[in-house]
Amino acid sequence: RIQMKPNPITFIGLLNACSHAGMVNEGRQIFKLMK
């Protein structure tokens, strides 16, 4: 929302969060969003 551009480490944190919560679909979407 504030247009803060994430870096590769941000996405590692997000994917790790989804992994520990079992949020498979959300994790797949984040991986695609990053690319």
PDB file of all heavy atoms in Angstrom:
ATOM      1  N   ARG A   1       0.828  -1.218   0.000  1.00  0.00           N
ATOM      2  CA  ARG A   1       0.000   0.000   0.000  1.00  0.00           C
ATOM      3  C   ARG A   1       0.859   1.264   0.000  1.00  0.00           C
ATOM      4  O   ARG A   1       0.503   2.267  -0.619  1.00  0.00           O
ATOM      5  CB  ARG A   1      -0.937   0.010   1.216  1.00  0.00           C
ATOM      6  CG  ARG A   1      -2.240  -0.740   0.970  1.00  0.00           C
ATOM      7  CD  ARG A   1      -3.270  -0.419   2.050  1.00  0.00           C
ATOM      8  NE  ARG A   1      -2.901  -0.959   3.346  1.00  0.00           N
ATOM      9  CZ  ARG A   1      -3.212  -2.184   3.747  1.00  0.00           C
ATOM     10  NH1 ARG A   1      -3.866  -3.003   2.945  1.00  0.00           N
ATOM     11  NH2 ARG A   1      -2.839  -2.606   4.952  1.00  0.00           N
ATOM     12  N   ILE A   2       1.982   1.228   0.718  1.00  0.00           N
ATOM     13  CA  ILE A   2       2.849   2.419   0.761  1.00  0.00           C
ATOM     14  C   ILE A   2       3.931   2.366  -0.323  1.00  0.00           C
ATOM     15  O   ILE A   2       4.848   3.175  -0.333  1.00  0.00           O
ATOM     16  CB  ILE A   2       3.491   2.602   2.155  1.00  0.00           C
ATOM     17  CG1 ILE A   2       4.437   1.447   2.479  1.00  0.00           C
ATOM     18  CG2 ILE A   2       2.427   2.782   3.234  1.00  0.00           C
ATOM     19  CD1 ILE A   2       5.297   1.682   3.705  1.00  0.00           C
ATOM     20  N   GLN A   3       3.804   1.367  -1.213  1.00  0.00           N
ATOM     21  CA  GLN A   3       4.721   1.206  -2.352  1.00  0.00           C
ATOM     22  C   GLN A   3       6.178   1.007  -1.917  1.00  0.00           C
ATOM     23  O   GLN A   3       7.101   1.498  -2.549  1.00  0.00           O
ATOM     24  CB  GLN A   3       4.603   2.398  -3.316  1.00  0.00           C
ATOM     25  CG  GLN A   3       3.216   2.510  -3.932  1.00  0.00           C
ATOM     26  CD  GLN A   3       3.119   3.617  -4.960  1.00  0.00           C
ATOM     27  OE1 GLN A   3       3.728   4.668  -4.803  1.00  0.00           O
ATOM     28  NE2 GLN A   3       2.354   3.385  -6.015  1.00  0.00           N
ATOM     29  N   MET A   4       6.340   0.268  -0.822  1.00  0.00           N
ATOM     30  CA  MET A   4       7.671  -0.153  -0.379  1.00  0.00           C
ATOM     31  C   MET A   4       8.017  -1.428  -1.142  1.00  0.00           C
ATOM     32  O   MET A   4       7.346  -2.452  -0.988  1.00  0.00           O
ATOM     33  CB  MET A   4       7.671  -0.411   1.128  1.00  0.00           C
ATOM     34  CG  MET A   4       8.958  -1.003   1.678  1.00  0.00           C
ATOM     35  SD  MET A   4      10.326   0.164   1.768  1.00  0.00           S
ATOM     36  CE  MET A   4       9.817   1.221   3.121  1.00  0.00           C
ATOM     37  N   LYS A   5       9.026  -1.362  -1.982  1.00  0.00           N
ATOM     38  CA  LYS A   5       9.362  -2.497  -2.844  1.00  0.00           C
ATOM     39  C   LYS A   5      10.091  -3.573  -2.052  1.00  0.00           C
ATOM     40  O   LYS A   5      11.132  -3.310  -1.456  1.00  0.00           O
ATOM     41  CB  LYS A   5      10.227  -2.018  -4.012  1.00  0.00           C
ATOM     42  CG  LYS A   5      10.455  -3.093  -5.061  1.00  0.00           C
ATOM     43  CD  LYS A   5      11.273  -2.542  -6.222  1.00  0.00           C
ATOM     44  CE  LYS A   5      11.551  -3.640  -7.251  1.00  0.00           C
ATOM     45  NZ  LYS A   5      12.381  -3.143  -8.365  1.00  0.00           N
ATOM     46  N   PRO A   6       9.569  -4.807  -2.023  1.00  0.00           N
ATOM     47  CA  PRO A   6      10.240  -5.877  -1.270  1.00  0.00           C
ATOM     48  C   PRO A   6      11.512  -6.332  -1.961  1.00  0.00           C
ATOM     49  O   PRO A   6      11.706  -6.118  -3.162  1.00  0.00           O
ATOM     50  CB  PRO A   6       9.190  -7.004  -1.265  1.00  0.00           C
ATOM     51  CG  PRO A   6       8.358  -6.754  -2.482  1.00  0.00           C
ATOM     52  CD  PRO A   6       8.339  -5.265  -2.683  1.00  0.00           C
ATOM     53  N   ASN A   7      12.395  -6.964  -1.197  1.00  0.00           N
ATOM     54  CA  ASN A   7      13.612  -7.521  -1.776  1.00  0.00           C
ATOM     55  C   ASN A   7      13.556  -9.049  -1.670  1.00  0.00           C
ATOM     56  O   ASN A   7      12.598  -9.611  -1.117  1.00  0.00           O
ATOM     57  CB  ASN A   7      14.857  -6.938  -1.096  1.00  0.00           C
ATOM     58  CG  ASN A   7      14.967  -7.320   0.368  1.00  0.00           C
ATOM     59  OD1 ASN A   7      14.251  -8.188   0.870  1.00  0.00           O
ATOM     60  ND2 ASN A   7      15.863  -6.680   1.082  1.00  0.00           N
ATOM     61  N   PRO A   8      14.550  -9.767  -2.180  1.00  0.00           N
ATOM     62  CA  PRO A   8      14.501 -11.238  -2.128  1.00  0.00           C
ATOM     63  C   PRO A   8      14.333 -11.807  -0.718  1.00  0.00           C
ATOM     64  O   PRO A   8      13.655 -12.825  -0.530  1.00  0.00           O
ATOM     65  CB  PRO A   8      15.854 -11.648  -2.734  1.00  0.00           C
ATOM     66  CG  PRO A   8      16.193 -10.537  -3.674  1.00  0.00           C
ATOM     67  CD  PRO A   8      15.702  -9.292  -2.995  1.00  0.00           C
ATOM     68  N   ILE A   9      14.934 -11.139   0.297  1.00  0.00           N
ATOM     69  CA  ILE A   9      14.827 -11.652   1.674  1.00  0.00           C
ATOM     70  C   ILE A   9      13.394 -11.527   2.191  1.00  0.00           C
ATOM     71  O   ILE A   9      12.914 -12.376   2.940  1.00  0.00           O
ATOM     72  CB  ILE A   9      15.813 -10.920   2.606  1.00  0.00           C
ATOM     73  CG1 ILE A   9      17.247 -11.120   2.104  1.00  0.00           C
ATOM     74  CG2 ILE A   9      15.706 -11.421   4.041  1.00  0.00           C
ATOM     75  CD1 ILE A   9      18.283 -10.285   2.812  1.00  0.00           C
ATOM     76  N   THR A  10      12.698 -10.466   1.773  1.00  0.00           N
ATOM     77  CA  THR A  10      11.286 -10.303   2.169  1.00  0.00           C
ATOM     78  C   THR A  10      10.487 -11.523   1.742  1.00  0.00           C
ATOM     79  O   THR A  10       9.670 -12.059   2.506  1.00  0.00           O
ATOM     80  CB  THR A  10      10.679  -9.043   1.524  1.00  0.00           C
ATOM     81  OG1 THR A  10      11.592  -7.951   1.621  1.00  0.00           O
ATOM     82  CG2 THR A  10       9.376  -8.672   2.194  1.00  0.00           C
ATOM     83  N   PHE A  11      10.729 -11.979   0.519  1.00  0.00           N
ATOM     84  CA  PHE A  11       9.968 -13.128   0.008  1.00  0.00           C
ATOM     85  C   PHE A  11      10.376 -14.426   0.686  1.00  0.00           C
ATOM     86  O   PHE A  11       9.542 -15.322   0.859  1.00  0.00           O
ATOM     87  CB  PHE A  11      10.127 -13.219  -1.515  1.00  0.00           C
ATOM     88  CG  PHE A  11       9.278 -12.224  -2.252  1.00  0.00           C
ATOM     89  CD1 PHE A  11       9.827 -11.075  -2.785  1.00  0.00           C
ATOM     90  CD2 PHE A  11       7.913 -12.426  -2.386  1.00  0.00           C
ATOM     91  CE1 PHE A  11       9.039 -10.148  -3.446  1.00  0.00           C
ATOM     92  CE2 PHE A  11       7.111 -11.507  -3.046  1.00  0.00           C
ATOM     93  CZ  PHE A  11       7.675 -10.363  -3.575  1.00  0.00           C
ATOM     94  N   ILE A  12      11.627 -14.535   1.100  1.00  0.00           N
ATOM     95  CA  ILE A  12      12.025 -15.714   1.885  1.00  0.00           C
ATOM     96  C   ILE A  12      11.221 -15.758   3.184  1.00  0.00           C
ATOM     97  O   ILE A  12      10.724 -16.804   3.594  1.00  0.00           O
ATOM     98  CB  ILE A  12      13.543 -15.691   2.168  1.00  0.00           C
ATOM     99  CG1 ILE A  12      14.320 -15.976   0.882  1.00  0.00           C
ATOM    100  CG2 ILE A  12      13.914 -16.717   3.249  1.00  0.00           C
ATOM    101  CD1 ILE A  12      15.819 -15.806   1.003  1.00  0.00           C
ATOM    102  N   GLY A  13      11.093 -14.586   3.841  1.00  0.00           N
ATOM    103  CA  GLY A  13      10.297 -14.501   5.068  1.00  0.00           C
ATOM    104  C   GLY A  13       8.848 -14.886   4.841  1.00  0.00           C
ATOM    105  O   GLY A  13       8.245 -15.614   5.647  1.00  0.00           O
ATOM    106  N   LEU A  14       8.249 -14.397   3.739  1.00  0.00           N
ATOM    107  CA  LEU A  14       6.843 -14.692   3.432  1.00  0.00           C
ATOM    108  C   LEU A  14       6.639 -16.172   3.135  1.00  0.00           C
ATOM    109  O   LEU A  14       5.687 -16.796   3.630  1.00  0.00           O
ATOM    110  CB  LEU A  14       6.388 -13.848   2.244  1.00  0.00           C
ATOM    111  CG  LEU A  14       6.239 -12.348   2.502  1.00  0.00           C
ATOM    112  CD1 LEU A  14       6.120 -11.587   1.190  1.00  0.00           C
ATOM    113  CD2 LEU A  14       5.023 -12.063   3.386  1.00  0.00           C
ATOM    114  N   LEU A  15       7.517 -16.744   2.317  1.00  0.00           N
ATOM    115  CA  LEU A  15       7.394 -18.166   1.970  1.00  0.00           C
ATOM    116  C   LEU A  15       7.590 -19.038   3.208  1.00  0.00           C
ATOM    117  O   LEU A  15       6.889 -20.038   3.388  1.00  0.00           O
ATOM    118  CB  LEU A  15       8.420 -18.529   0.893  1.00  0.00           C
ATOM    119  CG  LEU A  15       8.144 -17.961  -0.504  1.00  0.00           C
ATOM    120  CD1 LEU A  15       9.376 -18.108  -1.393  1.00  0.00           C
ATOM    121  CD2 LEU A  15       6.949 -18.656  -1.138  1.00  0.00           C
ATOM    122  N   ASN A  16       8.519 -18.647   4.063  1.00  0.00           N
ATOM    123  CA  ASN A  16       8.759 -19.383   5.303  1.00  0.00           C
ATOM    124  C   ASN A  16       7.531 -19.322   6.215  1.00  0.00           C
ATOM    125  O   ASN A  16       7.156 -20.311   6.851  1.00  0.00           O
ATOM    126  CB  ASN A  16       9.987 -18.797   5.995  1.00  0.00           C
ATOM    127  CG  ASN A  16      10.488 -19.678   7.120  1.00  0.00           C
ATOM    128  OD1 ASN A  16      10.545 -20.894   6.990  1.00  0.00           O
ATOM    129  ND2 ASN A  16      10.850 -19.074   8.238  1.00  0.00           N
ATOM    130  N   ALA A  17       6.905 -18.138   6.274  1.00  0.00           N
ATOM    131  CA  ALA A  17       5.694 -17.980   7.093  1.00  0.00           C
ATOM    132  C   ALA A  17       4.586 -18.901   6.595  1.00  0.00           C
ATOM    133  O   ALA A  17       3.921 -19.581   7.383  1.00  0.00           O
ATOM    134  CB  ALA A  17       5.234 -16.523   7.048  1.00  0.00           C
ATOM    135  N   CYS A  18       4.385 -18.923   5.285  1.00  0.00           N
ATOM    136  CA  CYS A  18       3.349 -19.792   4.705  1.00  0.00           C
ATOM    137  C   CYS A  18       3.671 -21.260   4.966  1.00  0.00           C
ATOM    138  O   CYS A  18       2.776 -22.070   5.237  1.00  0.00           O
ATOM    139  CB  CYS A  18       3.239 -19.551   3.203  1.00  0.00           C
ATOM    140  SG  CYS A  18       2.570 -17.934   2.773  1.00  0.00           S
ATOM    141  N   SER A  19       4.961 -21.611   4.902  1.00  0.00           N
ATOM    142  CA  SER A  19       5.381 -22.991   5.122  1.00  0.00           C
ATOM    143  C   SER A  19       5.013 -23.467   6.516  1.00  0.00           C
ATOM    144  O   SER A  19       4.476 -24.562   6.701  1.00  0.00           O
ATOM    145  CB  SER A  19       6.892 -23.100   4.900  1.00  0.00           C
ATOM    146  OG  SER A  19       7.339 -24.407   5.151  1.00  0.00           O
ATOM    147  N   HIS A  20       5.277 -22.622   7.526  1.00  0.00           N
ATOM    148  CA  HIS A  20       5.013 -23.019   8.915  1.00  0.00           C
ATOM    149  C   HIS A  20       3.533 -22.985   9.272  1.00  0.00           C
ATOM    150  O   HIS A  20       3.150 -23.526  10.307  1.00  0.00           O
ATOM    151  CB  HIS A  20       5.802 -22.121   9.872  1.00  0.00           C
ATOM    152  CG  HIS A  20       7.263 -22.416   9.871  1.00  0.00           C
ATOM    153  ND1 HIS A  20       7.782 -23.645  10.202  1.00  0.00           N
ATOM    154  CD2 HIS A  20       8.344 -21.645   9.564  1.00  0.00           C
ATOM    155  CE1 HIS A  20       9.090 -23.617  10.108  1.00  0.00           C
ATOM    156  NE2 HIS A  20       9.463 -22.418   9.715  1.00  0.00           N
ATOM    157  N   ALA A  21       2.729 -22.355   8.440  1.00  0.00           N
ATOM    158  CA  ALA A  21       1.288 -22.299   8.726  1.00  0.00           C
ATOM    159  C   ALA A  21       0.483 -23.204   7.804  1.00  0.00           C
ATOM    160  O   ALA A  21      -0.747 -23.253   7.893  1.00  0.00           O
ATOM    161  CB  ALA A  21       0.796 -20.859   8.584  1.00  0.00           C
ATOM    162  N   GLY A  22       1.163 -23.914   6.894  1.00  0.00           N
ATOM    163  CA  GLY A  22       0.463 -24.815   5.982  1.00  0.00           C
ATOM    164  C   GLY A  22      -0.353 -24.101   4.922  1.00  0.00           C
ATOM    165  O   GLY A  22      -1.295 -24.676   4.357  1.00  0.00           O
ATOM    166  N   MET A  23      -0.005 -22.852   4.632  1.00  0.00           N
ATOM    167  CA  MET A  23      -0.759 -22.052   3.650  1.00  0.00           C
ATOM    168  C   MET A  23      -0.143 -22.270   2.264  1.00  0.00           C
ATOM    169  O   MET A  23       0.591 -21.448   1.728  1.00  0.00           O
ATOM    170  CB  MET A  23      -0.735 -20.587   4.068  1.00  0.00           C
ATOM    171  CG  MET A  23      -1.421 -20.360   5.411  1.00  0.00           C
ATOM    172  SD  MET A  23      -1.158 -18.712   6.126  1.00  0.00           S
ATOM    173  CE  MET A  23      -2.100 -17.676   5.022  1.00  0.00           C
ATOM    174  N   VAL A  24      -0.481 -23.435   1.674  1.00  0.00           N
ATOM    175  CA  VAL A  24       0.165 -23.866   0.435  1.00  0.00           C
ATOM    176  C   VAL A  24      -0.217 -22.970  -0.735  1.00  0.00           C
ATOM    177  O   VAL A  24       0.648 -22.509  -1.491  1.00  0.00           O
ATOM    178  CB  VAL A  24      -0.172 -25.339   0.130  1.00  0.00           C
ATOM    179  CG1 VAL A  24       0.463 -25.768  -1.189  1.00  0.00           C
ATOM    180  CG2 VAL A  24       0.314 -26.239   1.261  1.00  0.00           C
ATOM    181  N   ASN A  25      -1.505 -22.717  -0.905  1.00  0.00           N
ATOM    182  CA  ASN A  25      -1.952 -21.891  -2.042  1.00  0.00           C
ATOM    183  C   ASN A  25      -1.376 -20.483  -1.966  1.00  0.00           C
ATOM    184  O   ASN A  25      -0.925 -19.922  -2.973  1.00  0.00           O
ATOM    185  CB  ASN A  25      -3.477 -21.833  -2.104  1.00  0.00           C
ATOM    186  CG  ASN A  25      -4.072 -23.170  -2.523  1.00  0.00           C
ATOM    187  OD1 ASN A  25      -3.422 -23.934  -3.237  1.00  0.00           O
ATOM    188  ND2 ASN A  25      -5.280 -23.447  -2.079  1.00  0.00           N
ATOM    189  N   GLU A  26      -1.401 -19.911  -0.753  1.00  0.00           N
ATOM    190  CA  GLU A  26      -0.851 -18.561  -0.576  1.00  0.00           C
ATOM    191  C   GLU A  26       0.646 -18.543  -0.908  1.00  0.00           C
ATOM    192  O   GLU A  26       1.149 -17.605  -1.532  1.00  0.00           O
ATOM    193  CB  GLU A  26      -1.071 -18.075   0.855  1.00  0.00           C
ATOM    194  CG  GLU A  26      -2.519 -17.806   1.222  1.00  0.00           C
ATOM    195  CD  GLU A  26      -3.288 -19.028   1.676  1.00  0.00           C
ATOM    196  OE1 GLU A  26      -2.780 -20.158   1.461  1.00  0.00           O
ATOM    197  OE2 GLU A  26      -4.379 -18.869   2.230  1.00  0.00           O
ATOM    198  N   GLY A  27       1.360 -19.602  -0.494  1.00  0.00           N
ATOM    199  CA  GLY A  27       2.795 -19.690  -0.780  1.00  0.00           C
ATOM    200  C   GLY A  27       3.071 -19.775  -2.272  1.00  0.00           C
ATOM    201  O   GLY A  27       3.983 -19.127  -2.785  1.00  0.00           O
ATOM    202  N   ARG A  28       2.267 -20.575  -2.970  1.00  0.00           N
ATOM    203  CA  ARG A  28       2.425 -20.674  -4.431  1.00  0.00           C
ATOM    204  C   ARG A  28       2.208 -19.315  -5.089  1.00  0.00           C
ATOM    205  O   ARG A  28       2.950 -18.915  -6.000  1.00  0.00           O
ATOM    206  CB  ARG A  28       1.427 -21.682  -4.994  1.00  0.00           C
ATOM    207  CG  ARG A  28       1.738 -23.144  -4.653  1.00  0.00           C
ATOM    208  CD  ARG A  28       0.645 -24.025  -5.221  1.00  0.00           C
ATOM    209  NE  ARG A  28       0.836 -25.433  -4.927  1.00  0.00           N
ATOM    210  CZ  ARG A  28      -0.146 -26.252  -4.545  1.00  0.00           C
ATOM    211  NH1 ARG A  28      -1.379 -25.788  -4.369  1.00  0.00           N
ATOM    212  NH2 ARG A  28       0.097 -27.535  -4.322  1.00  0.00           N
ATOM    213  N   GLN A  29       1.181 -18.588  -4.625  1.00  0.00           N
ATOM    214  CA  GLN A  29       0.874 -17.270  -5.209  1.00  0.00           C
ATOM    215  C   GLN A  29       2.009 -16.276  -4.965  1.00  0.00           C
ATOM    216  O   GLN A  29       2.365 -15.494  -5.843  1.00  0.00           O
ATOM    217  CB  GLN A  29      -0.431 -16.736  -4.618  1.00  0.00           C
ATOM    218  CG  GLN A  29      -1.680 -17.458  -5.099  1.00  0.00           C
ATOM    219  CD  GLN A  29      -2.917 -17.103  -4.292  1.00  0.00           C
ATOM    220  OE1 GLN A  29      -2.921 -16.134  -3.530  1.00  0.00           O
ATOM    221  NE2 GLN A  29      -3.977 -17.889  -4.448  1.00  0.00           N
ATOM    222  N   ILE A  30       2.574 -16.315  -3.766  1.00  0.00           N
ATOM    223  CA  ILE A  30       3.676 -15.392  -3.435  1.00  0.00           C
ATOM    224  C   ILE A  30       4.891 -15.687  -4.305  1.00  0.00           C
ATOM    225  O   ILE A  30       5.563 -14.771  -4.788  1.00  0.00           O
ATOM    226  CB  ILE A  30       4.016 -15.486  -1.932  1.00  0.00           C
ATOM    227  CG1 ILE A  30       2.955 -14.739  -1.126  1.00  0.00           C
ATOM    228  CG2 ILE A  30       5.405 -14.921  -1.633  1.00  0.00           C
ATOM    229  CD1 ILE A  30       2.992 -14.988   0.345  1.00  0.00           C
ATOM    230  N   PHE A  31       5.163 -16.977  -4.534  1.00  0.00           N
ATOM    231  CA  PHE A  31       6.294 -17.344  -5.389  1.00  0.00           C
ATOM    232  C   PHE A  31       6.094 -16.796  -6.806  1.00  0.00           C
ATOM    233  O   PHE A  31       7.029 -16.261  -7.420  1.00  0.00           O
ATOM    234  CB  PHE A  31       6.433 -18.874  -5.428  1.00  0.00           C
ATOM    235  CG  PHE A  31       7.735 -19.359  -5.992  1.00  0.00           C
ATOM    236  CD1 PHE A  31       8.871 -19.416  -5.202  1.00  0.00           C
ATOM    237  CD2 PHE A  31       7.824 -19.761  -7.319  1.00  0.00           C
ATOM    238  CE1 PHE A  31      10.079 -19.868  -5.712  1.00  0.00           C
ATOM    239  CE2 PHE A  31       9.024 -20.207  -7.846  1.00  0.00           C
ATOM    240  CZ  PHE A  31      10.152 -20.266  -7.040  1.00  0.00           C
ATOM    241  N   LYS A  32       4.873 -16.911  -7.317  1.00  0.00           N
ATOM    242  CA  LYS A  32       4.567 -16.374  -8.659  1.00  0.00           C
ATOM    243  C   LYS A  32       4.646 -14.848  -8.669  1.00  0.00           C
ATOM    244  O   LYS A  32       5.162 -14.248  -9.614  1.00  0.00           O
ATOM    245  CB  LYS A  32       3.169 -16.818  -9.097  1.00  0.00           C
ATOM    246  CG  LYS A  32       3.075 -18.291  -9.453  1.00  0.00           C
ATOM    247  CD  LYS A  32       1.637 -18.668  -9.805  1.00  0.00           C
ATOM    248  CE  LYS A  32       1.503 -20.173 -10.061  1.00  0.00           C
ATOM    249  NZ  LYS A  32       0.084 -20.562 -10.284  1.00  0.00           N
ATOM    250  N   LEU A  33       4.125 -14.222  -7.606  1.00  0.00           N
ATOM    251  CA  LEU A  33       4.146 -12.753  -7.505  1.00  0.00           C
ATOM    252  C   LEU A  33       5.577 -12.231  -7.539  1.00  0.00           C
ATOM    253  O   LEU A  33       5.877 -11.236  -8.211  1.00  0.00           O
ATOM    254  CB  LEU A  33       3.468 -12.328  -6.194  1.00  0.00           C
ATOM    255  CG  LEU A  33       3.359 -10.827  -5.927  1.00  0.00           C
ATOM    256  CD1 LEU A  33       2.257 -10.224  -6.794  1.00  0.00           C
ATOM    257  CD2 LEU A  33       3.047 -10.562  -4.459  1.00  0.00           C
ATOM    258  N   MET A  34       6.446 -12.912  -6.822  1.00  0.00           N
ATOM    259  CA  MET A  34       7.848 -12.500  -6.777  1.00  0.00           C
ATOM    260  C   MET A  34       8.459 -12.503  -8.181  1.00  0.00           C
ATOM    261  O   MET A  34       9.149 -11.557  -8.572  1.00  0.00           O
ATOM    262  CB  MET A  34       8.623 -13.467  -5.870  1.00  0.00           C
ATOM    263  CG  MET A  34      10.117 -13.215  -5.800  1.00  0.00           C
ATOM    264  SD  MET A  34      10.973 -14.453  -4.796  1.00  0.00           S
ATOM    265  CE  MET A  34      10.902 -15.877  -5.881  1.00  0.00           C
ATOM    266  N   LYS A  35       8.184 -13.557  -8.939  1.00  0.00           N
ATOM    267  CA  LYS A  35       8.763 -13.677 -10.283  1.00  0.00           C
ATOM    268  C   LYS A  35       8.086 -12.753 -11.292  1.00  0.00           C
ATOM    269  O   LYS A  35       8.758 -12.061 -12.053  1.00  0.00           O
ATOM    270  CB  LYS A  35       8.643 -15.126 -10.782  1.00  0.00           C
ATOM    271  CG  LYS A  35       9.527 -16.110 -10.061  1.00  0.00           C
ATOM    272  CD  LYS A  35       9.730 -17.396 -10.862  1.00  0.00           C
ATOM    273  CE  LYS A  35       8.403 -18.098 -11.161  1.00  0.00           C
ATOM    274  NZ  LYS A  35       8.634 -19.343 -11.931  1.00  0.00           N
TER     275      LYS A  35
END
